[in-house]
Amino acid sequence: MIIDAINKEKKTIAGISAVFPIAIAELAALAIDWSEVSYEDGYRQVEERAMELKNVYNEVLSTINNCIEAYPGLTRNQKTMYEQMVRDYLNGVLPLVNPDWSPNELKGYLLQEATNYLSNYEISC
């Protein structure tokens, strides 16, 4: 039963990660109790959760990117570099968050993490 649940989760992550970033696919899959659902039901639930997570992720990136764009004194190359650095940082943070958090909890956490990360480079948002 445990092996079956693990196999369903792995198969779902492999399928979902073709459409969503791997960090989002993995986080969405962690929210499912694979021993309680069929593969098809679990896949559908993961797909729905991944879409929700992706929307939150994109909203956070948009907010942070707008902050970086508006920050005075940065060149176009610096803005692009910081935007990519934040994206990479958030991709590293996603696997560490609680998969059961609500979209608002996740958004608040990711915004705080991104803001703290940028403050290391003396950029305040």
PDB file of N, CA and C in Angstrom:
ATOM      1  N   MET A   1       0.818  -1.186   0.000  1.00  0.00           N
ATOM      2  CA  MET A   1       0.000   0.000   0.000  1.00  0.00           C
ATOM      3  C   MET A   1       0.868   1.260   0.000  1.00  0.00           C
ATOM      4  N   ILE A   2       1.907   1.286   0.816  1.00  0.00           N
ATOM      5  CA  ILE A   2       2.796   2.444   0.860  1.00  0.00           C
ATOM      6  C   ILE A   2       3.542   2.581  -0.458  1.00  0.00           C
ATOM      7  N   ILE A   3       4.010   1.468  -0.984  1.00  0.00           N
ATOM      8  CA  ILE A   3       4.729   1.509  -2.259  1.00  0.00           C
ATOM      9  C   ILE A   3       3.804   1.979  -3.370  1.00  0.00           C
ATOM     10  N   ASP A   4       2.563   1.516  -3.354  1.00  0.00           N
ATOM     11  CA  ASP A   4       1.581   1.952  -4.349  1.00  0.00           C
ATOM     12  C   ASP A   4       1.361   3.464  -4.253  1.00  0.00           C
ATOM     13  N   ALA A   5       1.234   3.984  -3.040  1.00  0.00           N
ATOM     14  CA  ALA A   5       1.035   5.423  -2.837  1.00  0.00           C
ATOM     15  C   ALA A   5       2.237   6.210  -3.354  1.00  0.00           C
ATOM     16  N   ILE A   6       3.435   5.730  -3.077  1.00  0.00           N
ATOM     17  CA  ILE A   6       4.654   6.398  -3.540  1.00  0.00           C
ATOM     18  C   ILE A   6       4.720   6.385  -5.059  1.00  0.00           C
ATOM     19  N   ASN A   7       4.378   5.260  -5.660  1.00  0.00           N
ATOM     20  CA  ASN A   7       4.399   5.159  -7.118  1.00  0.00           C
ATOM     21  C   ASN A   7       3.389   6.101  -7.767  1.00  0.00           C
ATOM     22  N   LYS A   8       2.196   6.204  -7.181  1.00  0.00           N
ATOM     23  CA  LYS A   8       1.188   7.128  -7.714  1.00  0.00           C
ATOM     24  C   LYS A   8       1.689   8.571  -7.625  1.00  0.00           C
ATOM     25  N   GLU A   9       2.304   8.905  -6.504  1.00  0.00           N
ATOM     26  CA  GLU A   9       2.816  10.261  -6.328  1.00  0.00           C
ATOM     27  C   GLU A   9       3.921  10.563  -7.341  1.00  0.00           C
ATOM     28  N   LYS A  10       4.863   9.644  -7.501  1.00  0.00           N
ATOM     29  CA  LYS A  10       5.966   9.848  -8.451  1.00  0.00           C
ATOM     30  C   LYS A  10       5.457   9.984  -9.881  1.00  0.00           C
ATOM     31  N   LYS A  11       4.516   9.130 -10.252  1.00  0.00           N
ATOM     32  CA  LYS A  11       3.954   9.164 -11.605  1.00  0.00           C
ATOM     33  C   LYS A  11       3.232  10.489 -11.850  1.00  0.00           C
ATOM     34  N   THR A  12       2.514  10.950 -10.848  1.00  0.00           N
ATOM     35  CA  THR A  12       1.799  12.220 -10.974  1.00  0.00           C
ATOM     36  C   THR A  12       2.768  13.384 -11.099  1.00  0.00           C
ATOM     37  N   ILE A  13       3.796  13.411 -10.283  1.00  0.00           N
ATOM     38  CA  ILE A  13       4.790  14.488 -10.357  1.00  0.00           C
ATOM     39  C   ILE A  13       5.430  14.506 -11.736  1.00  0.00           C
ATOM     40  N   ALA A  14       5.757  13.348 -12.266  1.00  0.00           N
ATOM     41  CA  ALA A  14       6.367  13.278 -13.596  1.00  0.00           C
ATOM     42  C   ALA A  14       5.433  13.857 -14.654  1.00  0.00           C
ATOM     43  N   GLY A  15       4.152  13.542 -14.556  1.00  0.00           N
ATOM     44  CA  GLY A  15       3.190  14.055 -15.529  1.00  0.00           C
ATOM     45  C   GLY A  15       2.923  15.537 -15.372  1.00  0.00           C
ATOM     46  N   ILE A  16       2.720  15.972 -14.155  1.00  0.00           N
ATOM     47  CA  ILE A  16       2.396  17.374 -13.877  1.00  0.00           C
ATOM     48  C   ILE A  16       3.589  18.289 -14.164  1.00  0.00           C
ATOM     49  N   SER A  17       4.797  17.803 -13.938  1.00  0.00           N
ATOM     50  CA  SER A  17       5.977  18.652 -14.132  1.00  0.00           C
ATOM     51  C   SER A  17       6.240  18.951 -15.607  1.00  0.00           C
ATOM     52  N   ALA A  18       5.516  18.289 -16.500  1.00  0.00           N
ATOM     53  CA  ALA A  18       5.613  18.642 -17.916  1.00  0.00           C
ATOM     54  C   ALA A  18       4.890  19.964 -18.184  1.00  0.00           C
ATOM     55  N   VAL A  19       3.968  20.322 -17.300  1.00  0.00           N
ATOM     56  CA  VAL A  19       3.166  21.534 -17.466  1.00  0.00           C
ATOM     57  C   VAL A  19       3.548  22.613 -16.453  1.00  0.00           C
ATOM     58  N   PHE A  20       3.919  22.198 -15.250  1.00  0.00           N
ATOM     59  CA  PHE A  20       4.233  23.122 -14.160  1.00  0.00           C
ATOM     60  C   PHE A  20       5.692  22.957 -13.755  1.00  0.00           C
ATOM     61  N   PRO A  21       6.293  24.016 -13.182  1.00  0.00           N
ATOM     62  CA  PRO A  21       7.653  23.867 -12.647  1.00  0.00           C
ATOM     63  C   PRO A  21       7.700  22.729 -11.622  1.00  0.00           C
ATOM     64  N   ILE A  22       8.804  22.036 -11.565  1.00  0.00           N
ATOM     65  CA  ILE A  22       8.937  20.856 -10.712  1.00  0.00           C
ATOM     66  C   ILE A  22       8.655  21.181  -9.246  1.00  0.00           C
ATOM     67  N   ALA A  23       9.096  22.339  -8.764  1.00  0.00           N
ATOM     68  CA  ALA A  23       8.862  22.693  -7.355  1.00  0.00           C
ATOM     69  C   ALA A  23       7.368  22.805  -7.062  1.00  0.00           C
ATOM     70  N   ILE A  24       6.606  23.339  -8.001  1.00  0.00           N
ATOM     71  CA  ILE A  24       5.155  23.462  -7.830  1.00  0.00           C
ATOM     72  C   ILE A  24       4.505  22.092  -7.911  1.00  0.00           C
ATOM     73  N   ALA A  25       4.937  21.264  -8.857  1.00  0.00           N
ATOM     74  CA  ALA A  25       4.380  19.911  -8.991  1.00  0.00           C
ATOM     75  C   ALA A  25       4.618  19.094  -7.722  1.00  0.00           C
ATOM     76  N   GLU A  26       5.822  19.169  -7.187  1.00  0.00           N
ATOM     77  CA  GLU A  26       6.142  18.407  -5.971  1.00  0.00           C
ATOM     78  C   GLU A  26       5.338  18.899  -4.774  1.00  0.00           C
ATOM     79  N   LEU A  27       5.236  20.211  -4.619  1.00  0.00           N
ATOM     80  CA  LEU A  27       4.482  20.763  -3.495  1.00  0.00           C
ATOM     81  C   LEU A  27       3.008  20.380  -3.592  1.00  0.00           C
ATOM     82  N   ALA A  28       2.450  20.458  -4.789  1.00  0.00           N
ATOM     83  CA  ALA A  28       1.044  20.088  -4.982  1.00  0.00           C
ATOM     84  C   ALA A  28       0.823  18.613  -4.667  1.00  0.00           C
ATOM     85  N   ALA A  29       1.755  17.768  -5.063  1.00  0.00           N
ATOM     86  CA  ALA A  29       1.621  16.326  -4.825  1.00  0.00           C
ATOM     87  C   ALA A  29       1.732  15.978  -3.345  1.00  0.00           C
ATOM     88  N   LEU A  30       2.470  16.770  -2.592  1.00  0.00           N
ATOM     89  CA  LEU A  30       2.628  16.507  -1.159  1.00  0.00           C
ATOM     90  C   LEU A  30       1.335  16.734  -0.375  1.00  0.00           C
ATOM     91  N   ALA A  31       0.425  17.501  -0.936  1.00  0.00           N
ATOM     92  CA  ALA A  31      -0.827  17.818  -0.232  1.00  0.00           C
ATOM     93  C   ALA A  31      -1.846  16.682  -0.311  1.00  0.00           C
ATOM     94  N   ILE A  32      -1.544  15.647  -1.075  1.00  0.00           N
ATOM     95  CA  ILE A  32      -2.492  14.551  -1.297  1.00  0.00           C
ATOM     96  C   ILE A  32      -2.118  13.350  -0.434  1.00  0.00           C
ATOM     97  N   ASP A  33      -3.118  12.725   0.154  1.00  0.00           N
ATOM     98  CA  ASP A  33      -2.915  11.455   0.863  1.00  0.00           C
ATOM     99  C   ASP A  33      -3.103  10.349  -0.170  1.00  0.00           C
ATOM    100  N   TRP A  34      -2.004   9.913  -0.740  1.00  0.00           N
ATOM    101  CA  TRP A  34      -2.043   8.984  -1.869  1.00  0.00           C
ATOM    102  C   TRP A  34      -2.591   7.613  -1.504  1.00  0.00           C
ATOM    103  N   SER A  35      -2.600   7.270  -0.252  1.00  0.00           N
ATOM    104  CA  SER A  35      -3.159   5.972   0.144  1.00  0.00           C
ATOM    105  C   SER A  35      -4.686   6.006   0.151  1.00  0.00           C
ATOM    106  N   GLU A  36      -5.260   7.206   0.066  1.00  0.00           N
ATOM    107  CA  GLU A  36      -6.712   7.370   0.146  1.00  0.00           C
ATOM    108  C   GLU A  36      -7.384   7.594  -1.208  1.00  0.00           C
ATOM    109  N   VAL A  37      -6.624   7.858  -2.261  1.00  0.00           N
ATOM    110  CA  VAL A  37      -7.223   8.211  -3.554  1.00  0.00           C
ATOM    111  C   VAL A  37      -6.672   7.335  -4.674  1.00  0.00           C
ATOM    112  N   SER A  38      -7.456   7.244  -5.730  1.00  0.00           N
ATOM    113  CA  SER A  38      -6.975   6.554  -6.926  1.00  0.00           C
ATOM    114  C   SER A  38      -5.963   7.461  -7.632  1.00  0.00           C
ATOM    115  N   TYR A  39      -5.227   6.885  -8.554  1.00  0.00           N
ATOM    116  CA  TYR A  39      -4.264   7.681  -9.311  1.00  0.00           C
ATOM    117  C   TYR A  39      -4.974   8.812 -10.045  1.00  0.00           C
ATOM    118  N   GLU A  40      -6.089   8.512 -10.688  1.00  0.00           N
ATOM    119  CA  GLU A  40      -6.815   9.503 -11.482  1.00  0.00           C
ATOM    120  C   GLU A  40      -7.323  10.653 -10.609  1.00  0.00           C
ATOM    121  N   ASP A  41      -7.921  10.316  -9.472  1.00  0.00           N
ATOM    122  CA  ASP A  41      -8.415  11.359  -8.568  1.00  0.00           C
ATOM    123  C   ASP A  41      -7.261  12.183  -8.000  1.00  0.00           C
ATOM    124  N   GLY A  42      -6.196  11.513  -7.624  1.00  0.00           N
ATOM    125  CA  GLY A  42      -5.029  12.214  -7.104  1.00  0.00           C
ATOM    126  C   GLY A  42      -4.416  13.136  -8.139  1.00  0.00           C
ATOM    127  N   TYR A  43      -4.317  12.651  -9.370  1.00  0.00           N
ATOM    128  CA  TYR A  43      -3.751  13.459 -10.455  1.00  0.00           C
ATOM    129  C   TYR A  43      -4.579  14.727 -10.647  1.00  0.00           C
ATOM    130  N   ARG A  44      -5.898  14.566 -10.672  1.00  0.00           N
ATOM    131  CA  ARG A  44      -6.795  15.706 -10.848  1.00  0.00           C
ATOM    132  C   ARG A  44      -6.631  16.709  -9.699  1.00  0.00           C
ATOM    133  N   GLN A  45      -6.546  16.200  -8.473  1.00  0.00           N
ATOM    134  CA  GLN A  45      -6.371  17.079  -7.310  1.00  0.00           C
ATOM    135  C   GLN A  45      -5.027  17.809  -7.359  1.00  0.00           C
ATOM    136  N   VAL A  46      -4.003  17.093  -7.768  1.00  0.00           N
ATOM    137  CA  VAL A  46      -2.672  17.711  -7.876  1.00  0.00           C
ATOM    138  C   VAL A  46      -2.680  18.776  -8.968  1.00  0.00           C
ATOM    139  N   GLU A  47      -3.326  18.478 -10.069  1.00  0.00           N
ATOM    140  CA  GLU A  47      -3.402  19.443 -11.166  1.00  0.00           C
ATOM    141  C   GLU A  47      -4.104  20.735 -10.709  1.00  0.00           C
ATOM    142  N   GLU A  48      -5.203  20.585  -9.981  1.00  0.00           N
ATOM    143  CA  GLU A  48      -5.926  21.752  -9.464  1.00  0.00           C
ATOM    144  C   GLU A  48      -5.066  22.537  -8.474  1.00  0.00           C
ATOM    145  N   ARG A  49      -4.422  21.825  -7.584  1.00  0.00           N
ATOM    146  CA  ARG A  49      -3.574  22.481  -6.578  1.00  0.00           C
ATOM    147  C   ARG A  49      -2.369  23.145  -7.242  1.00  0.00           C
ATOM    148  N   ALA A  50      -1.794  22.499  -8.241  1.00  0.00           N
ATOM    149  CA  ALA A  50      -0.644  23.073  -8.941  1.00  0.00           C
ATOM    150  C   ALA A  50      -1.035  24.371  -9.645  1.00  0.00           C
ATOM    151  N   MET A  51      -2.227  24.411 -10.227  1.00  0.00           N
ATOM    152  CA  MET A  51      -2.691  25.638 -10.879  1.00  0.00           C
ATOM    153  C   MET A  51      -2.839  26.754  -9.846  1.00  0.00           C
ATOM    154  N   GLU A  52      -3.392  26.414  -8.707  1.00  0.00           N
ATOM    155  CA  GLU A  52      -3.553  27.381  -7.621  1.00  0.00           C
ATOM    156  C   GLU A  52      -2.183  27.888  -7.145  1.00  0.00           C
ATOM    157  N   LEU A  53      -1.244  26.975  -6.955  1.00  0.00           N
ATOM    158  CA  LEU A  53       0.105  27.345  -6.510  1.00  0.00           C
ATOM    159  C   LEU A  53       0.822  28.195  -7.552  1.00  0.00           C
ATOM    160  N   LYS A  54       0.652  27.838  -8.813  1.00  0.00           N
ATOM    161  CA  LYS A  54       1.297  28.594  -9.888  1.00  0.00           C
ATOM    162  C   LYS A  54       0.762  30.021  -9.926  1.00  0.00           C
ATOM    163  N   ASN A  55      -0.544  30.179  -9.730  1.00  0.00           N
ATOM    164  CA  ASN A  55      -1.126  31.522  -9.711  1.00  0.00           C
ATOM    165  C   ASN A  55      -0.553  32.357  -8.569  1.00  0.00           C
ATOM    166  N   VAL A  56      -0.419  31.755  -7.394  1.00  0.00           N
ATOM    167  CA  VAL A  56       0.172  32.458  -6.246  1.00  0.00           C
ATOM    168  C   VAL A  56       1.625  32.816  -6.551  1.00  0.00           C
ATOM    169  N   TYR A  57       2.372  31.857  -7.054  1.00  0.00           N
ATOM    170  CA  TYR A  57       3.784  32.056  -7.399  1.00  0.00           C
ATOM    171  C   TYR A  57       3.932  33.205  -8.402  1.00  0.00           C
ATOM    172  N   ASN A  58       3.108  33.192  -9.453  1.00  0.00           N
ATOM    173  CA  ASN A  58       3.176  34.244 -10.469  1.00  0.00           C
ATOM    174  C   ASN A  58       2.794  35.607  -9.896  1.00  0.00           C
ATOM    175  N   GLU A  59       1.822  35.627  -8.998  1.00  0.00           N
ATOM    176  CA  GLU A  59       1.415  36.883  -8.364  1.00  0.00           C
ATOM    177  C   GLU A  59       2.553  37.447  -7.506  1.00  0.00           C
ATOM    178  N   VAL A  60       3.215  36.583  -6.766  1.00  0.00           N
ATOM    179  CA  VAL A  60       4.350  37.019  -5.944  1.00  0.00           C
ATOM    180  C   VAL A  60       5.475  37.535  -6.835  1.00  0.00           C
ATOM    181  N   LEU A  61       5.792  36.800  -7.893  1.00  0.00           N
ATOM    182  CA  LEU A  61       6.846  37.250  -8.807  1.00  0.00           C
ATOM    183  C   LEU A  61       6.498  38.590  -9.433  1.00  0.00           C
ATOM    184  N   SER A  62       5.257  38.762  -9.825  1.00  0.00           N
ATOM    185  CA  SER A  62       4.821  40.020 -10.423  1.00  0.00           C
ATOM    186  C   SER A  62       4.989  41.177  -9.441  1.00  0.00           C
ATOM    187  N   THR A  63       4.580  40.970  -8.213  1.00  0.00           N
ATOM    188  CA  THR A  63       4.715  42.005  -7.181  1.00  0.00           C
ATOM    189  C   THR A  63       6.180  42.366  -6.958  1.00  0.00           C
ATOM    190  N   ILE A  64       7.015  41.356  -6.825  1.00  0.00           N
ATOM    191  CA  ILE A  64       8.445  41.594  -6.582  1.00  0.00           C
ATOM    192  C   ILE A  64       9.107  42.217  -7.808  1.00  0.00           C
ATOM    193  N   ASN A  65       8.759  41.740  -9.000  1.00  0.00           N
ATOM    194  CA  ASN A  65       9.335  42.311 -10.217  1.00  0.00           C
ATOM    195  C   ASN A  65       8.943  43.776 -10.380  1.00  0.00           C
ATOM    196  N   ASN A  66       7.700  44.116 -10.038  1.00  0.00           N
ATOM    197  CA  ASN A  66       7.276  45.520 -10.088  1.00  0.00           C
ATOM    198  C   ASN A  66       8.099  46.367  -9.125  1.00  0.00           C
ATOM    199  N   CYS A  67       8.384  45.822  -7.968  1.00  0.00           N
ATOM    200  CA  CYS A  67       9.216  46.522  -6.986  1.00  0.00           C
ATOM    201  C   CYS A  67      10.622  46.743  -7.541  1.00  0.00           C
ATOM    202  N   ILE A  68      11.188  45.699  -8.114  1.00  0.00           N
ATOM    203  CA  ILE A  68      12.539  45.805  -8.678  1.00  0.00           C
ATOM    204  C   ILE A  68      12.557  46.815  -9.820  1.00  0.00           C
ATOM    205  N   GLU A  69      11.551  46.765 -10.684  1.00  0.00           N
ATOM    206  CA  GLU A  69      11.475  47.700 -11.816  1.00  0.00           C
ATOM    207  C   GLU A  69      11.406  49.144 -11.337  1.00  0.00           C
ATOM    208  N   ALA A  70      10.704  49.376 -10.238  1.00  0.00           N
ATOM    209  CA  ALA A  70      10.528  50.737  -9.726  1.00  0.00           C
ATOM    210  C   ALA A  70      11.697  51.202  -8.860  1.00  0.00           C
ATOM    211  N   TYR A  71      12.581  50.278  -8.506  1.00  0.00           N
ATOM    212  CA  TYR A  71      13.673  50.640  -7.603  1.00  0.00           C
ATOM    213  C   TYR A  71      14.648  51.566  -8.324  1.00  0.00           C
ATOM    214  N   PRO A  72      14.954  52.724  -7.731  1.00  0.00           N
ATOM    215  CA  PRO A  72      15.825  53.698  -8.402  1.00  0.00           C
ATOM    216  C   PRO A  72      17.290  53.256  -8.426  1.00  0.00           C
ATOM    217  N   GLY A  73      17.948  53.647  -9.491  1.00  0.00           N
ATOM    218  CA  GLY A  73      19.388  53.448  -9.577  1.00  0.00           C
ATOM    219  C   GLY A  73      19.844  52.106 -10.120  1.00  0.00           C
ATOM    220  N   LEU A  74      18.910  51.241 -10.481  1.00  0.00           N
ATOM    221  CA  LEU A  74      19.302  49.944 -11.039  1.00  0.00           C
ATOM    222  C   LEU A  74      19.297  50.011 -12.563  1.00  0.00           C
ATOM    223  N   THR A  75      20.325  49.439 -13.166  1.00  0.00           N
ATOM    224  CA  THR A  75      20.356  49.360 -14.625  1.00  0.00           C
ATOM    225  C   THR A  75      19.406  48.259 -15.092  1.00  0.00           C
ATOM    226  N   ARG A  76      19.118  48.245 -16.370  1.00  0.00           N
ATOM    227  CA  ARG A  76      18.256  47.211 -16.944  1.00  0.00           C
ATOM    228  C   ARG A  76      18.845  45.827 -16.667  1.00  0.00           C
ATOM    229  N   ASN A  77      20.154  45.675 -16.827  1.00  0.00           N
ATOM    230  CA  ASN A  77      20.798  44.383 -16.569  1.00  0.00           C
ATOM    231  C   ASN A  77      20.689  43.976 -15.102  1.00  0.00           C
ATOM    232  N   GLN A  78      20.851  44.926 -14.199  1.00  0.00           N
ATOM    233  CA  GLN A  78      20.721  44.624 -12.772  1.00  0.00           C
ATOM    234  C   GLN A  78      19.294  44.196 -12.434  1.00  0.00           C
ATOM    235  N   LYS A  79      18.318  44.888 -12.996  1.00  0.00           N
ATOM    236  CA  LYS A  79      16.917  44.528 -12.749  1.00  0.00           C
ATOM    237  C   LYS A  79      16.642  43.102 -13.214  1.00  0.00           C
ATOM    238  N   THR A  80      17.105  42.787 -14.406  1.00  0.00           N
ATOM    239  CA  THR A  80      16.919  41.437 -14.946  1.00  0.00           C
ATOM    240  C   THR A  80      17.618  40.406 -14.063  1.00  0.00           C
ATOM    241  N   MET A  81      18.827  40.726 -13.622  1.00  0.00           N
ATOM    242  CA  MET A  81      19.589  39.815 -12.765  1.00  0.00           C
ATOM    243  C   MET A  81      18.856  39.570 -11.444  1.00  0.00           C
ATOM    244  N   TYR A  82      18.377  40.632 -10.799  1.00  0.00           N
ATOM    245  CA  TYR A  82      17.669  40.476  -9.521  1.00  0.00           C
ATOM    246  C   TYR A  82      16.357  39.717  -9.696  1.00  0.00           C
ATOM    247  N   GLU A  83      15.656  39.968 -10.783  1.00  0.00           N
ATOM    248  CA  GLU A  83      14.414  39.236 -11.040  1.00  0.00           C
ATOM    249  C   GLU A  83      14.694  37.739 -11.162  1.00  0.00           C
ATOM    250  N   GLN A  84      15.751  37.378 -11.879  1.00  0.00           N
ATOM    251  CA  GLN A  84      16.111  35.966 -12.032  1.00  0.00           C
ATOM    252  C   GLN A  84      16.584  35.374 -10.709  1.00  0.00           C
ATOM    253  N   MET A  85      17.325  36.138  -9.944  1.00  0.00           N
ATOM    254  CA  MET A  85      17.801  35.651  -8.646  1.00  0.00           C
ATOM    255  C   MET A  85      16.628  35.359  -7.711  1.00  0.00           C
ATOM    256  N   VAL A  86      15.629  36.236  -7.708  1.00  0.00           N
ATOM    257  CA  VAL A  86      14.448  36.019  -6.865  1.00  0.00           C
ATOM    258  C   VAL A  86      13.692  34.786  -7.340  1.00  0.00           C
ATOM    259  N   ARG A  87      13.532  34.639  -8.646  1.00  0.00           N
ATOM    260  CA  ARG A  87      12.847  33.463  -9.199  1.00  0.00           C
ATOM    261  C   ARG A  87      13.559  32.182  -8.771  1.00  0.00           C
ATOM    262  N   ASP A  88      14.864  32.162  -8.901  1.00  0.00           N
ATOM    263  CA  ASP A  88      15.641  30.983  -8.495  1.00  0.00           C
ATOM    264  C   ASP A  88      15.519  30.730  -6.994  1.00  0.00           C
ATOM    265  N   TYR A  89      15.558  31.797  -6.211  1.00  0.00           N
ATOM    266  CA  TYR A  89      15.444  31.664  -4.760  1.00  0.00           C
ATOM    267  C   TYR A  89      14.083  31.083  -4.382  1.00  0.00           C
ATOM    268  N   LEU A  90      13.021  31.619  -4.961  1.00  0.00           N
ATOM    269  CA  LEU A  90      11.679  31.121  -4.640  1.00  0.00           C
ATOM    270  C   LEU A  90      11.503  29.667  -5.074  1.00  0.00           C
ATOM    271  N   ASN A  91      12.109  29.287  -6.187  1.00  0.00           N
ATOM    272  CA  ASN A  91      12.049  27.880  -6.607  1.00  0.00           C
ATOM    273  C   ASN A  91      12.732  26.978  -5.585  1.00  0.00           C
ATOM    274  N   GLY A  92      13.736  27.499  -4.912  1.00  0.00           N
ATOM    275  CA  GLY A  92      14.397  26.737  -3.857  1.00  0.00           C
ATOM    276  C   GLY A  92      13.612  26.711  -2.558  1.00  0.00           C
ATOM    277  N   VAL A  93      12.811  27.745  -2.321  1.00  0.00           N
ATOM    278  CA  VAL A  93      12.013  27.840  -1.099  1.00  0.00           C
ATOM    279  C   VAL A  93      10.745  26.990  -1.196  1.00  0.00           C
ATOM    280  N   LEU A  94      10.145  26.916  -2.369  1.00  0.00           N
ATOM    281  CA  LEU A  94       8.867  26.211  -2.532  1.00  0.00           C
ATOM    282  C   LEU A  94       8.844  24.799  -1.955  1.00  0.00           C
ATOM    283  N   PRO A  95       9.864  23.978  -2.192  1.00  0.00           N
ATOM    284  CA  PRO A  95       9.801  22.619  -1.642  1.00  0.00           C
ATOM    285  C   PRO A  95       9.825  22.561  -0.113  1.00  0.00           C
ATOM    286  N   LEU A  96      10.131  23.665   0.533  1.00  0.00           N
ATOM    287  CA  LEU A  96      10.256  23.681   1.987  1.00  0.00           C
ATOM    288  C   LEU A  96       9.000  24.168   2.704  1.00  0.00           C
ATOM    289  N   VAL A  97       8.019  24.658   1.951  1.00  0.00           N
ATOM    290  CA  VAL A  97       6.825  25.217   2.598  1.00  0.00           C
ATOM    291  C   VAL A  97       5.824  24.119   2.933  1.00  0.00           C
ATOM    292  N   ASN A  98       4.895  24.460   3.787  1.00  0.00           N
ATOM    293  CA  ASN A  98       3.841  23.531   4.192  1.00  0.00           C
ATOM    294  C   ASN A  98       2.875  23.335   3.020  1.00  0.00           C
ATOM    295  N   PRO A  99       2.718  22.121   2.513  1.00  0.00           N
ATOM    296  CA  PRO A  99       1.847  21.899   1.354  1.00  0.00           C
ATOM    297  C   PRO A  99       0.370  22.155   1.646  1.00  0.00           C
ATOM    298  N   ASP A 100       0.005  22.246   2.908  1.00  0.00           N
ATOM    299  CA  ASP A 100      -1.396  22.467   3.274  1.00  0.00           C
ATOM    300  C   ASP A 100      -1.744  23.937   3.484  1.00  0.00           C
ATOM    301  N   TRP A 101      -0.782  24.829   3.298  1.00  0.00           N
ATOM    302  CA  TRP A 101      -1.065  26.249   3.471  1.00  0.00           C
ATOM    303  C   TRP A 101      -2.100  26.724   2.462  1.00  0.00           C
ATOM    304  N   SER A 102      -2.886  27.682   2.885  1.00  0.00           N
ATOM    305  CA  SER A 102      -3.845  28.317   1.979  1.00  0.00           C
ATOM    306  C   SER A 102      -3.067  29.199   0.999  1.00  0.00           C
ATOM    307  N   PRO A 103      -3.705  29.588  -0.104  1.00  0.00           N
ATOM    308  CA  PRO A 103      -3.026  30.494  -1.034  1.00  0.00           C
ATOM    309  C   PRO A 103      -2.555  31.789  -0.363  1.00  0.00           C
ATOM    310  N   ASN A 104      -3.356  32.333   0.544  1.00  0.00           N
ATOM    311  CA  ASN A 104      -2.956  33.573   1.223  1.00  0.00           C
ATOM    312  C   ASN A 104      -1.764  33.360   2.145  1.00  0.00           C
ATOM    313  N   GLU A 105      -1.736  32.230   2.840  1.00  0.00           N
ATOM    314  CA  GLU A 105      -0.589  31.923   3.703  1.00  0.00           C
ATOM    315  C   GLU A 105       0.675  31.764   2.865  1.00  0.00           C
ATOM    316  N   LEU A 106       0.556  31.055   1.758  1.00  0.00           N
ATOM    317  CA  LEU A 106       1.702  30.848   0.875  1.00  0.00           C
ATOM    318  C   LEU A 106       2.171  32.169   0.281  1.00  0.00           C
ATOM    319  N   LYS A 107       1.234  32.973  -0.175  1.00  0.00           N
ATOM    320  CA  LYS A 107       1.585  34.269  -0.759  1.00  0.00           C
ATOM    321  C   LYS A 107       2.330  35.131   0.253  1.00  0.00           C
ATOM    322  N   GLY A 108       1.808  35.223   1.460  1.00  0.00           N
ATOM    323  CA  GLY A 108       2.463  36.023   2.492  1.00  0.00           C
ATOM    324  C   GLY A 108       3.865  35.537   2.791  1.00  0.00           C
ATOM    325  N   TYR A 109       4.011  34.220   2.883  1.00  0.00           N
ATOM    326  CA  TYR A 109       5.320  33.641   3.175  1.00  0.00           C
ATOM    327  C   TYR A 109       6.308  33.919   2.036  1.00  0.00           C
ATOM    328  N   LEU A 110       5.888  33.681   0.805  1.00  0.00           N
ATOM    329  CA  LEU A 110       6.787  33.892  -0.333  1.00  0.00           C
ATOM    330  C   LEU A 110       7.154  35.362  -0.498  1.00  0.00           C
ATOM    331  N   LEU A 111       6.186  36.254  -0.293  1.00  0.00           N
ATOM    332  CA  LEU A 111       6.498  37.687  -0.365  1.00  0.00           C
ATOM    333  C   LEU A 111       7.518  38.075   0.700  1.00  0.00           C
ATOM    334  N   GLN A 112       7.336  37.559   1.902  1.00  0.00           N
ATOM    335  CA  GLN A 112       8.281  37.860   2.984  1.00  0.00           C
ATOM    336  C   GLN A 112       9.668  37.307   2.663  1.00  0.00           C
ATOM    337  N   GLU A 113       9.723  36.086   2.161  1.00  0.00           N
ATOM    338  CA  GLU A 113      11.006  35.479   1.799  1.00  0.00           C
ATOM    339  C   GLU A 113      11.703  36.280   0.703  1.00  0.00           C
ATOM    340  N   ALA A 114      10.959  36.662  -0.332  1.00  0.00           N
ATOM    341  CA  ALA A 114      11.546  37.422  -1.436  1.00  0.00           C
ATOM    342  C   ALA A 114      12.015  38.792  -0.964  1.00  0.00           C
ATOM    343  N   THR A 115      11.224  39.430  -0.121  1.00  0.00           N
ATOM    344  CA  THR A 115      11.590  40.741   0.420  1.00  0.00           C
ATOM    345  C   THR A 115      12.855  40.640   1.268  1.00  0.00           C
ATOM    346  N   ASN A 116      12.909  39.639   2.126  1.00  0.00           N
ATOM    347  CA  ASN A 116      14.111  39.432   2.946  1.00  0.00           C
ATOM    348  C   ASN A 116      15.327  39.135   2.077  1.00  0.00           C
ATOM    349  N   TYR A 117      15.129  38.333   1.043  1.00  0.00           N
ATOM    350  CA  TYR A 117      16.223  37.985   0.137  1.00  0.00           C
ATOM    351  C   TYR A 117      16.784  39.242  -0.532  1.00  0.00           C
ATOM    352  N   LEU A 118      15.887  40.091  -1.034  1.00  0.00           N
ATOM    353  CA  LEU A 118      16.339  41.313  -1.695  1.00  0.00           C
ATOM    354  C   LEU A 118      17.001  42.282  -0.719  1.00  0.00           C
ATOM    355  N   SER A 119      16.572  42.260   0.527  1.00  0.00           N
ATOM    356  CA  SER A 119      17.184  43.163   1.513  1.00  0.00           C
ATOM    357  C   SER A 119      18.657  42.827   1.725  1.00  0.00           C
ATOM    358  N   ASN A 120      19.046  41.582   1.454  1.00  0.00           N
ATOM    359  CA  ASN A 120      20.465  41.210   1.517  1.00  0.00           C
ATOM    360  C   ASN A 120      21.289  41.971   0.486  1.00  0.00           C
ATOM    361  N   TYR A 121      20.616  42.456  -0.563  1.00  0.00           N
ATOM    362  CA  TYR A 121      21.274  43.222  -1.625  1.00  0.00           C
ATOM    363  C   TYR A 121      20.921  44.707  -1.524  1.00  0.00           C
ATOM    364  N   GLU A 122      20.404  45.087  -0.350  1.00  0.00           N
ATOM    365  CA  GLU A 122      20.039  46.468  -0.047  1.00  0.00           C
ATOM    366  C   GLU A 122      18.958  47.008  -0.978  1.00  0.00           C
ATOM    367  N   ILE A 123      18.046  46.124  -1.362  1.00  0.00           N
ATOM    368  CA  ILE A 123      16.875  46.520  -2.138  1.00  0.00           C
ATOM    369  C   ILE A 123      15.669  46.303  -1.239  1.00  0.00           C
ATOM    370  N   SER A 124      14.936  47.379  -0.990  1.00  0.00           N
ATOM    371  CA  SER A 124      13.770  47.250  -0.108  1.00  0.00           C
ATOM    372  C   SER A 124      12.483  47.339  -0.916  1.00  0.00           C
ATOM    373  N   CYS A 125      11.623  46.401  -0.634  1.00  0.00           N
ATOM    374  CA  CYS A 125      10.319  46.365  -1.313  1.00  0.00           C
ATOM    375  C   CYS A 125       9.213  46.451  -0.287  1.00  0.00           C
TER     376      CYS A 125
END
